[in-house]
Amino acid sequence: MNAEAQKASLNRKIRIFISVLVMMSIAAYPAGSAASESPDQGDYQEQETALDVEVMVNPDRNVNCLKTMELGDVKIAVLGSDELDVTQIQTESVALGCEKTEESIKPLAFEYEDISTDGYTDLVMVFDSHEMIVKFDLKNCFCKEAPLKVTASLDESAGAKAITGSGTTLILPSFR
């Protein structure tokens, strides 16, 4: 092969590579994400009365991600603090939502432990990863962070009426 043919072949491969990258970036853009950028009046009123809490997604993993084809559980922890005794959270009222949709899911299980090793008890909840992917429409959000929101009610003795906290997890495709 002469130099001109090699140069033409290399240029063709570069154009194909760039086209593939552009197509991947277009496919990775989550549909309908612009609708989540405008705050709702109802959300503003809810945040006024709710205690803002710290949330950790996948607190027991080194990498905070969710693979779209992965079956299993995702742990999400509400961290205890001076202002929040997590034992006062009414576990039956806990819901996990996503800014992409109006859907919410309930945890499969709960446990109390000091996951953040700060001396405060934390509420660790277990959610079904497949249910999260389907209900929150995360299967096409490759390499994007999914904003998750935990809401719950508190016992009347806690002072505040509700809690709300946000966290994110990276959505990754699972190649076989």
N, C-alpha and C. Protein backbone atom coordinates (compact mmCIF):
# COMPACT_ATOMS: atom_id res chain seq x y z
N MET A 1 0.85 -1.18 0.00
CA MET A 1 0.00 0.00 0.00
C MET A 1 0.89 1.24 0.00
N ASN A 2 0.60 2.17 -0.88
CA ASN A 2 1.43 3.37 -0.95
C ASN A 2 1.01 4.36 0.15
N ALA A 3 1.75 5.43 0.26
CA ALA A 3 1.54 6.41 1.32
C ALA A 3 0.18 7.09 1.21
N GLU A 4 -0.24 7.39 -0.02
CA GLU A 4 -1.54 8.06 -0.22
C GLU A 4 -2.69 7.17 0.22
N ALA A 5 -2.62 5.89 -0.10
CA ALA A 5 -3.68 4.95 0.27
C ALA A 5 -3.73 4.77 1.79
N GLN A 6 -2.56 4.73 2.43
CA GLN A 6 -2.52 4.61 3.89
C GLN A 6 -3.11 5.85 4.55
N LYS A 7 -2.80 7.01 4.01
CA LYS A 7 -3.32 8.27 4.55
C LYS A 7 -4.84 8.32 4.41
N ALA A 8 -5.36 7.91 3.26
CA ALA A 8 -6.81 7.90 3.02
C ALA A 8 -7.50 6.91 3.96
N SER A 9 -6.88 5.76 4.15
CA SER A 9 -7.44 4.75 5.06
C SER A 9 -7.48 5.26 6.50
N LEU A 10 -6.41 5.91 6.92
CA LEU A 10 -6.35 6.47 8.27
C LEU A 10 -7.39 7.56 8.46
N ASN A 11 -7.54 8.44 7.48
CA ASN A 11 -8.56 9.50 7.55
C ASN A 11 -9.96 8.91 7.66
N ARG A 12 -10.23 7.86 6.90
CA ARG A 12 -11.54 7.21 6.94
C ARG A 12 -11.80 6.61 8.33
N LYS A 13 -10.78 5.98 8.92
CA LYS A 13 -10.92 5.40 10.26
C LYS A 13 -11.16 6.47 11.31
N ILE A 14 -10.48 7.60 11.18
CA ILE A 14 -10.67 8.70 12.13
C ILE A 14 -12.09 9.25 12.03
N ARG A 15 -12.60 9.43 10.81
CA ARG A 15 -13.97 9.93 10.63
C ARG A 15 -14.99 8.97 11.22
N ILE A 16 -14.78 7.68 11.04
CA ILE A 16 -15.69 6.67 11.60
C ILE A 16 -15.63 6.72 13.13
N PHE A 17 -14.43 6.83 13.68
CA PHE A 17 -14.27 6.89 15.13
C PHE A 17 -14.99 8.11 15.70
N ILE A 18 -14.83 9.26 15.07
CA ILE A 18 -15.49 10.49 15.54
C ILE A 18 -17.00 10.35 15.43
N SER A 19 -17.48 9.75 14.36
CA SER A 19 -18.92 9.54 14.19
C SER A 19 -19.48 8.66 15.30
N VAL A 20 -18.75 7.61 15.64
CA VAL A 20 -19.19 6.72 16.72
C VAL A 20 -19.22 7.47 18.04
N LEU A 21 -18.21 8.29 18.32
CA LEU A 21 -18.20 9.07 19.56
C LEU A 21 -19.39 10.02 19.63
N VAL A 22 -19.69 10.69 18.54
CA VAL A 22 -20.83 11.61 18.51
C VAL A 22 -22.12 10.85 18.75
N MET A 23 -22.28 9.70 18.11
CA MET A 23 -23.50 8.91 18.29
C MET A 23 -23.62 8.43 19.73
N MET A 24 -22.52 8.04 20.36
CA MET A 24 -22.56 7.59 21.75
C MET A 24 -22.95 8.74 22.67
N SER A 25 -22.43 9.93 22.42
CA SER A 25 -22.78 11.06 23.29
C SER A 25 -24.23 11.45 23.12
N ILE A 26 -24.78 11.34 21.91
CA ILE A 26 -26.20 11.63 21.70
C ILE A 26 -27.05 10.59 22.40
N ALA A 27 -26.67 9.33 22.31
CA ALA A 27 -27.44 8.25 22.95
C ALA A 27 -27.38 8.34 24.46
N ALA A 28 -26.29 8.88 25.01
CA ALA A 28 -26.13 8.96 26.46
C ALA A 28 -26.93 10.09 27.07
N TYR A 29 -27.37 11.07 26.28
CA TYR A 29 -28.13 12.19 26.82
C TYR A 29 -29.51 11.72 27.22
N PRO A 30 -29.89 11.83 28.52
CA PRO A 30 -31.19 11.33 28.96
C PRO A 30 -32.34 12.15 28.40
N ALA A 31 -33.29 11.49 27.82
CA ALA A 31 -34.46 12.17 27.26
C ALA A 31 -35.29 12.77 28.37
N GLY A 32 -35.76 13.99 28.16
CA GLY A 32 -36.65 14.63 29.12
C GLY A 32 -35.96 15.22 30.33
N SER A 33 -34.64 15.32 30.32
CA SER A 33 -33.97 15.85 31.50
C SER A 33 -34.17 17.34 31.66
N ALA A 34 -34.50 18.05 30.60
CA ALA A 34 -34.72 19.49 30.70
C ALA A 34 -35.94 19.81 31.55
N ALA A 35 -36.92 18.92 31.59
CA ALA A 35 -38.13 19.17 32.37
C ALA A 35 -37.84 19.17 33.86
N SER A 36 -36.78 18.48 34.28
CA SER A 36 -36.49 18.41 35.71
C SER A 36 -35.74 19.64 36.22
N GLU A 37 -35.34 20.55 35.32
CA GLU A 37 -34.56 21.70 35.75
C GLU A 37 -35.40 22.83 36.31
N SER A 38 -36.70 22.86 36.04
CA SER A 38 -37.54 23.93 36.57
C SER A 38 -38.20 23.45 37.86
N PRO A 39 -37.94 24.14 38.97
CA PRO A 39 -38.50 23.70 40.24
C PRO A 39 -40.01 23.86 40.26
N ASP A 40 -40.66 22.96 40.96
CA ASP A 40 -42.11 22.98 41.12
C ASP A 40 -42.45 23.73 42.41
N GLN A 41 -43.52 24.47 42.41
CA GLN A 41 -43.93 25.22 43.60
C GLN A 41 -44.19 24.28 44.77
N GLY A 42 -44.78 23.11 44.50
CA GLY A 42 -45.06 22.15 45.57
C GLY A 42 -43.79 21.66 46.23
N ASP A 43 -42.74 21.44 45.45
CA ASP A 43 -41.47 21.01 46.01
C ASP A 43 -40.89 22.07 46.93
N TYR A 44 -41.04 23.34 46.59
CA TYR A 44 -40.51 24.42 47.41
C TYR A 44 -41.18 24.43 48.77
N GLN A 45 -42.50 24.28 48.80
CA GLN A 45 -43.21 24.28 50.07
C GLN A 45 -42.84 23.05 50.89
N GLU A 46 -42.63 21.91 50.23
CA GLU A 46 -42.25 20.70 50.93
C GLU A 46 -40.89 20.87 51.60
N GLN A 47 -39.94 21.53 50.92
CA GLN A 47 -38.60 21.70 51.46
C GLN A 47 -38.60 22.66 52.64
N GLU A 48 -39.55 23.60 52.70
CA GLU A 48 -39.61 24.53 53.81
C GLU A 48 -39.89 23.81 55.12
N THR A 49 -40.77 22.81 55.11
CA THR A 49 -41.14 22.13 56.34
C THR A 49 -40.32 20.88 56.59
N ALA A 50 -39.55 20.42 55.62
CA ALA A 50 -38.78 19.19 55.77
C ALA A 50 -37.36 19.50 56.24
N LEU A 51 -36.85 18.62 57.08
CA LEU A 51 -35.47 18.70 57.54
C LEU A 51 -34.57 18.12 56.45
N ASP A 52 -33.58 18.89 56.00
CA ASP A 52 -32.66 18.43 54.97
C ASP A 52 -31.62 17.52 55.62
N VAL A 53 -31.47 16.31 55.10
CA VAL A 53 -30.56 15.33 55.69
C VAL A 53 -29.52 14.89 54.66
N GLU A 54 -28.44 14.33 55.17
CA GLU A 54 -27.38 13.83 54.30
C GLU A 54 -27.67 12.38 53.92
N VAL A 55 -27.50 12.08 52.63
CA VAL A 55 -27.78 10.75 52.09
C VAL A 55 -26.54 10.23 51.39
N MET A 56 -26.24 8.95 51.58
CA MET A 56 -25.14 8.28 50.88
C MET A 56 -25.71 7.14 50.05
N VAL A 57 -25.37 7.12 48.76
CA VAL A 57 -25.77 6.02 47.88
C VAL A 57 -24.62 5.04 47.81
N ASN A 58 -24.92 3.76 47.94
CA ASN A 58 -23.91 2.69 47.95
C ASN A 58 -22.81 2.96 48.97
N PRO A 59 -23.16 3.15 50.24
CA PRO A 59 -22.13 3.50 51.23
C PRO A 59 -21.12 2.39 51.49
N ASP A 60 -21.45 1.16 51.12
CA ASP A 60 -20.54 0.04 51.37
C ASP A 60 -19.66 -0.30 50.17
N ARG A 61 -19.72 0.50 49.11
CA ARG A 61 -18.91 0.25 47.91
C ARG A 61 -17.87 1.35 47.73
N ASN A 62 -16.76 1.00 47.11
CA ASN A 62 -15.73 1.99 46.80
C ASN A 62 -16.16 2.88 45.64
N VAL A 63 -16.95 2.33 44.71
CA VAL A 63 -17.41 3.07 43.55
C VAL A 63 -18.93 3.20 43.63
N ASN A 64 -19.41 4.42 43.56
CA ASN A 64 -20.85 4.68 43.64
C ASN A 64 -21.44 4.64 42.24
N CYS A 65 -21.85 3.44 41.81
CA CYS A 65 -22.44 3.32 40.47
C CYS A 65 -23.52 2.25 40.49
N LEU A 66 -24.33 2.28 39.45
CA LEU A 66 -25.39 1.30 39.25
C LEU A 66 -25.30 0.85 37.80
N LYS A 67 -25.12 -0.45 37.59
CA LYS A 67 -25.03 -0.98 36.23
C LYS A 67 -26.43 -1.37 35.77
N THR A 68 -26.75 -1.00 34.54
CA THR A 68 -28.12 -1.15 34.05
C THR A 68 -28.58 -2.60 33.95
N MET A 69 -27.69 -3.52 33.75
CA MET A 69 -28.08 -4.93 33.63
C MET A 69 -27.82 -5.70 34.92
N GLU A 70 -27.43 -5.01 35.96
CA GLU A 70 -27.08 -5.65 37.22
C GLU A 70 -28.34 -5.96 38.02
N LEU A 71 -28.44 -7.17 38.46
CA LEU A 71 -29.53 -7.55 39.35
C LEU A 71 -29.00 -7.52 40.77
N GLY A 72 -29.83 -7.18 41.70
CA GLY A 72 -29.40 -7.16 43.09
C GLY A 72 -29.95 -5.95 43.80
N ASP A 73 -29.21 -5.54 44.81
CA ASP A 73 -29.67 -4.48 45.70
C ASP A 73 -28.78 -3.26 45.63
N VAL A 74 -29.36 -2.13 45.97
CA VAL A 74 -28.64 -0.87 46.13
C VAL A 74 -28.92 -0.38 47.54
N LYS A 75 -27.86 -0.07 48.26
CA LYS A 75 -28.04 0.46 49.61
C LYS A 75 -27.98 1.97 49.58
N ILE A 76 -28.87 2.58 50.34
CA ILE A 76 -28.90 4.03 50.49
C ILE A 76 -29.03 4.32 51.97
N ALA A 77 -28.16 5.18 52.48
CA ALA A 77 -28.13 5.47 53.91
C ALA A 77 -28.55 6.91 54.18
N VAL A 78 -29.41 7.08 55.18
CA VAL A 78 -29.71 8.41 55.71
C VAL A 78 -28.81 8.54 56.93
N LEU A 79 -27.94 9.54 56.92
CA LEU A 79 -26.94 9.68 57.97
C LEU A 79 -27.51 10.41 59.17
N GLY A 80 -27.28 9.83 60.33
CA GLY A 80 -27.71 10.47 61.57
C GLY A 80 -26.80 11.64 61.90
N SER A 81 -27.31 12.56 62.73
CA SER A 81 -26.53 13.74 63.10
C SER A 81 -27.06 14.29 64.42
N ASP A 82 -26.52 15.46 64.84
CA ASP A 82 -27.03 16.14 66.03
C ASP A 82 -28.51 16.45 65.90
N GLU A 83 -28.93 16.84 64.69
CA GLU A 83 -30.32 17.25 64.46
C GLU A 83 -31.23 16.08 64.14
N LEU A 84 -30.69 14.93 63.75
CA LEU A 84 -31.53 13.82 63.31
C LEU A 84 -31.17 12.52 64.02
N ASP A 85 -32.14 12.00 64.75
CA ASP A 85 -32.05 10.65 65.31
C ASP A 85 -32.80 9.75 64.33
N VAL A 86 -32.07 8.93 63.59
CA VAL A 86 -32.69 8.15 62.52
C VAL A 86 -33.71 7.13 63.03
N THR A 87 -33.67 6.81 64.31
CA THR A 87 -34.67 5.88 64.85
C THR A 87 -36.05 6.52 64.91
N GLN A 88 -36.13 7.85 64.75
CA GLN A 88 -37.42 8.54 64.75
C GLN A 88 -38.04 8.61 63.35
N ILE A 89 -37.35 8.09 62.34
CA ILE A 89 -37.91 8.03 60.99
C ILE A 89 -38.94 6.92 60.95
N GLN A 90 -40.13 7.23 60.45
CA GLN A 90 -41.17 6.21 60.28
C GLN A 90 -40.83 5.42 59.02
N THR A 91 -40.30 4.21 59.21
CA THR A 91 -39.77 3.44 58.09
C THR A 91 -40.82 3.12 57.02
N GLU A 92 -42.08 3.02 57.42
CA GLU A 92 -43.13 2.73 56.42
C GLU A 92 -43.39 3.92 55.50
N SER A 93 -42.90 5.11 55.87
CA SER A 93 -43.13 6.31 55.04
C SER A 93 -41.97 6.61 54.10
N VAL A 94 -40.88 5.86 54.19
CA VAL A 94 -39.70 6.12 53.36
C VAL A 94 -40.00 5.84 51.90
N ALA A 95 -39.60 6.78 51.04
CA ALA A 95 -39.75 6.61 49.59
C ALA A 95 -38.51 7.15 48.90
N LEU A 96 -38.10 6.48 47.83
CA LEU A 96 -36.98 6.93 47.01
C LEU A 96 -37.53 7.36 45.67
N GLY A 97 -37.16 8.56 45.25
CA GLY A 97 -37.61 9.09 43.97
C GLY A 97 -36.43 9.54 43.14
N CYS A 98 -36.71 9.93 41.92
CA CYS A 98 -35.70 10.42 41.00
C CYS A 98 -36.25 11.65 40.30
N GLU A 99 -35.40 12.64 40.04
CA GLU A 99 -35.85 13.87 39.40
C GLU A 99 -36.35 13.64 37.98
N LYS A 100 -35.96 12.53 37.36
CA LYS A 100 -36.38 12.24 35.98
C LYS A 100 -37.86 11.89 35.88
N THR A 101 -38.46 11.38 36.94
CA THR A 101 -39.83 10.89 36.88
C THR A 101 -40.58 11.20 38.17
N GLU A 102 -41.85 11.01 38.15
CA GLU A 102 -42.69 11.20 39.34
C GLU A 102 -42.78 9.93 40.18
N GLU A 103 -42.25 8.83 39.68
CA GLU A 103 -42.34 7.54 40.36
C GLU A 103 -41.51 7.53 41.64
N SER A 104 -41.90 6.65 42.56
CA SER A 104 -41.10 6.42 43.76
C SER A 104 -41.18 4.94 44.09
N ILE A 105 -40.18 4.49 44.84
CA ILE A 105 -40.16 3.08 45.24
C ILE A 105 -39.93 3.00 46.74
N LYS A 106 -40.31 1.86 47.30
CA LYS A 106 -40.16 1.60 48.73
C LYS A 106 -38.98 0.67 48.95
N PRO A 107 -38.33 0.79 50.10
CA PRO A 107 -37.20 -0.10 50.39
C PRO A 107 -37.66 -1.53 50.66
N LEU A 108 -36.76 -2.47 50.41
CA LEU A 108 -37.01 -3.88 50.70
C LEU A 108 -36.71 -4.20 52.16
N ALA A 109 -35.71 -3.52 52.72
CA ALA A 109 -35.28 -3.80 54.09
C ALA A 109 -34.60 -2.57 54.69
N PHE A 110 -34.50 -2.58 56.03
CA PHE A 110 -33.86 -1.50 56.78
C PHE A 110 -32.91 -2.10 57.79
N GLU A 111 -31.88 -1.34 58.14
CA GLU A 111 -31.04 -1.70 59.28
C GLU A 111 -30.43 -0.43 59.85
N TYR A 112 -30.15 -0.46 61.13
CA TYR A 112 -29.52 0.68 61.80
C TYR A 112 -28.08 0.31 62.09
N GLU A 113 -27.16 1.14 61.59
CA GLU A 113 -25.74 0.95 61.90
C GLU A 113 -25.02 2.27 61.63
N ASP A 114 -23.83 2.39 62.20
CA ASP A 114 -23.03 3.60 61.99
C ASP A 114 -22.16 3.39 60.77
N ILE A 115 -22.73 3.58 59.61
CA ILE A 115 -22.02 3.32 58.34
C ILE A 115 -20.97 4.39 58.05
N SER A 116 -21.19 5.60 58.53
CA SER A 116 -20.25 6.70 58.25
C SER A 116 -19.18 6.83 59.34
N THR A 117 -19.21 5.98 60.32
CA THR A 117 -18.26 5.94 61.44
C THR A 117 -18.03 7.30 62.09
N ASP A 118 -19.13 8.05 62.27
CA ASP A 118 -19.03 9.35 62.93
C ASP A 118 -19.61 9.34 64.34
N GLY A 119 -20.03 8.16 64.80
CA GLY A 119 -20.60 8.04 66.14
C GLY A 119 -22.12 8.15 66.17
N TYR A 120 -22.74 8.50 65.06
CA TYR A 120 -24.20 8.59 64.98
C TYR A 120 -24.74 7.37 64.24
N THR A 121 -25.85 6.85 64.72
CA THR A 121 -26.51 5.73 64.05
C THR A 121 -27.12 6.22 62.74
N ASP A 122 -26.96 5.43 61.69
CA ASP A 122 -27.50 5.76 60.37
C ASP A 122 -28.57 4.74 59.99
N LEU A 123 -29.52 5.15 59.17
CA LEU A 123 -30.54 4.24 58.65
C LEU A 123 -30.11 3.79 57.26
N VAL A 124 -29.82 2.50 57.12
CA VAL A 124 -29.39 1.94 55.84
C VAL A 124 -30.58 1.19 55.25
N MET A 125 -30.95 1.58 54.04
CA MET A 125 -32.11 0.98 53.36
C MET A 125 -31.63 0.22 52.14
N VAL A 126 -32.32 -0.86 51.82
CA VAL A 126 -31.98 -1.70 50.68
C VAL A 126 -33.10 -1.58 49.65
N PHE A 127 -32.72 -1.23 48.41
CA PHE A 127 -33.68 -1.09 47.31
C PHE A 127 -33.32 -2.07 46.20
N ASP A 128 -34.31 -2.50 45.45
CA ASP A 128 -34.12 -3.39 44.31
C ASP A 128 -33.58 -2.58 43.13
N SER A 129 -32.38 -2.93 42.66
CA SER A 129 -31.75 -2.16 41.58
C SER A 129 -32.54 -2.23 40.28
N HIS A 130 -33.11 -3.38 39.97
CA HIS A 130 -33.90 -3.50 38.74
C HIS A 130 -35.15 -2.60 38.79
N GLU A 131 -35.80 -2.55 39.94
CA GLU A 131 -36.97 -1.68 40.10
C GLU A 131 -36.58 -0.21 39.93
N MET A 132 -35.41 0.17 40.45
CA MET A 132 -34.92 1.54 40.28
C MET A 132 -34.72 1.87 38.80
N ILE A 133 -34.08 0.98 38.08
CA ILE A 133 -33.77 1.21 36.67
C ILE A 133 -35.05 1.34 35.85
N VAL A 134 -36.02 0.47 36.12
CA VAL A 134 -37.26 0.48 35.34
C VAL A 134 -38.14 1.67 35.71
N LYS A 135 -38.42 1.86 37.00
CA LYS A 135 -39.35 2.93 37.41
C LYS A 135 -38.79 4.32 37.17
N PHE A 136 -37.47 4.48 37.30
CA PHE A 136 -36.87 5.81 37.12
C PHE A 136 -36.35 6.01 35.70
N ASP A 137 -36.59 5.03 34.82
CA ASP A 137 -36.19 5.11 33.41
C ASP A 137 -34.70 5.44 33.26
N LEU A 138 -33.87 4.64 33.93
CA LEU A 138 -32.42 4.88 33.94
C LEU A 138 -31.67 4.05 32.91
N LYS A 139 -32.35 3.19 32.18
CA LYS A 139 -31.64 2.28 31.27
C LYS A 139 -30.92 2.99 30.13
N ASN A 140 -31.32 4.21 29.80
CA ASN A 140 -30.68 4.95 28.71
C ASN A 140 -29.84 6.12 29.21
N CYS A 141 -29.50 6.14 30.47
CA CYS A 141 -28.72 7.25 31.05
C CYS A 141 -27.27 6.86 31.25
N PHE A 142 -26.68 6.18 30.27
CA PHE A 142 -25.32 5.69 30.42
C PHE A 142 -24.35 6.83 30.71
N CYS A 143 -23.50 6.59 31.68
CA CYS A 143 -22.43 7.52 32.06
C CYS A 143 -22.97 8.88 32.52
N LYS A 144 -24.14 8.89 33.06
CA LYS A 144 -24.73 10.10 33.64
C LYS A 144 -25.02 9.83 35.10
N GLU A 145 -25.03 10.89 35.89
CA GLU A 145 -25.41 10.75 37.29
C GLU A 145 -26.92 10.87 37.40
N ALA A 146 -27.51 9.97 38.16
CA ALA A 146 -28.95 10.01 38.39
C ALA A 146 -29.20 10.65 39.75
N PRO A 147 -29.93 11.76 39.79
CA PRO A 147 -30.23 12.42 41.06
C PRO A 147 -31.36 11.69 41.78
N LEU A 148 -31.07 11.16 42.96
CA LEU A 148 -32.04 10.42 43.75
C LEU A 148 -32.45 11.25 44.96
N LYS A 149 -33.69 11.06 45.41
CA LYS A 149 -34.20 11.83 46.54
C LYS A 149 -34.92 10.91 47.50
N VAL A 150 -34.53 10.97 48.77
CA VAL A 150 -35.17 10.19 49.82
C VAL A 150 -36.10 11.12 50.60
N THR A 151 -37.34 10.67 50.81
CA THR A 151 -38.29 11.41 51.64
C THR A 151 -38.87 10.46 52.67
N ALA A 152 -39.22 11.01 53.82
CA ALA A 152 -39.83 10.20 54.88
C ALA A 152 -40.46 11.12 55.91
N SER A 153 -41.33 10.54 56.71
CA SER A 153 -41.95 11.26 57.82
C SER A 153 -41.23 10.89 59.11
N LEU A 154 -41.28 11.80 60.06
CA LEU A 154 -40.69 11.57 61.37
C LEU A 154 -41.78 11.38 62.41
N ASP A 155 -41.42 10.73 63.52
CA ASP A 155 -42.33 10.65 64.66
C ASP A 155 -42.67 12.06 65.12
N GLU A 156 -43.84 12.24 65.69
CA GLU A 156 -44.27 13.56 66.13
C GLU A 156 -43.35 14.14 67.20
N SER A 157 -42.70 13.28 67.97
CA SER A 157 -41.81 13.76 69.03
C SER A 157 -40.51 14.35 68.50
N ALA A 158 -40.23 14.19 67.20
CA ALA A 158 -38.97 14.64 66.61
C ALA A 158 -38.92 16.14 66.37
N GLY A 159 -40.05 16.82 66.37
CA GLY A 159 -40.06 18.26 66.11
C GLY A 159 -40.38 18.57 64.67
N ALA A 160 -39.52 18.17 63.75
CA ALA A 160 -39.80 18.35 62.32
C ALA A 160 -40.82 17.30 61.88
N LYS A 161 -41.51 17.58 60.80
CA LYS A 161 -42.53 16.65 60.33
C LYS A 161 -41.99 15.65 59.31
N ALA A 162 -40.99 16.06 58.54
CA ALA A 162 -40.50 15.20 57.47
C ALA A 162 -39.02 15.43 57.24
N ILE A 163 -38.42 14.52 56.50
CA ILE A 163 -37.03 14.68 56.08
C ILE A 163 -36.97 14.55 54.56
N THR A 164 -35.97 15.16 54.00
CA THR A 164 -35.68 15.01 52.58
C THR A 164 -34.16 15.09 52.40
N GLY A 165 -33.65 14.25 51.54
CA GLY A 165 -32.22 14.25 51.28
C GLY A 165 -31.95 13.78 49.86
N SER A 166 -30.86 14.26 49.29
CA SER A 166 -30.54 13.92 47.91
C SER A 166 -29.15 13.31 47.80
N GLY A 167 -29.02 12.46 46.81
CA GLY A 167 -27.74 11.85 46.49
C GLY A 167 -27.75 11.48 45.02
N THR A 168 -26.60 11.11 44.50
CA THR A 168 -26.52 10.71 43.10
C THR A 168 -25.79 9.39 42.98
N THR A 169 -26.04 8.71 41.89
CA THR A 169 -25.29 7.51 41.55
C THR A 169 -25.02 7.54 40.05
N LEU A 170 -23.88 7.03 39.66
CA LEU A 170 -23.48 7.01 38.25
C LEU A 170 -24.11 5.78 37.59
N ILE A 171 -24.78 5.99 36.46
CA ILE A 171 -25.40 4.89 35.73
C ILE A 171 -24.42 4.40 34.67
N LEU A 172 -24.08 3.12 34.72
CA LEU A 172 -23.13 2.55 33.77
C LEU A 172 -23.78 1.40 33.00
N PRO A 173 -23.43 1.26 31.73
CA PRO A 173 -23.93 0.10 30.99
C PRO A 173 -23.18 -1.14 31.46
N SER A 174 -23.82 -2.26 31.37
CA SER A 174 -23.18 -3.51 31.76
C SER A 174 -22.94 -4.33 30.49
N PHE A 175 -21.68 -4.45 30.11
CA PHE A 175 -21.33 -5.21 28.91
C PHE A 175 -21.06 -6.64 29.29
N ARG A 176 -21.53 -7.55 28.48
CA ARG A 176 -21.31 -8.97 28.76
C ARG A 176 -20.29 -9.54 27.83
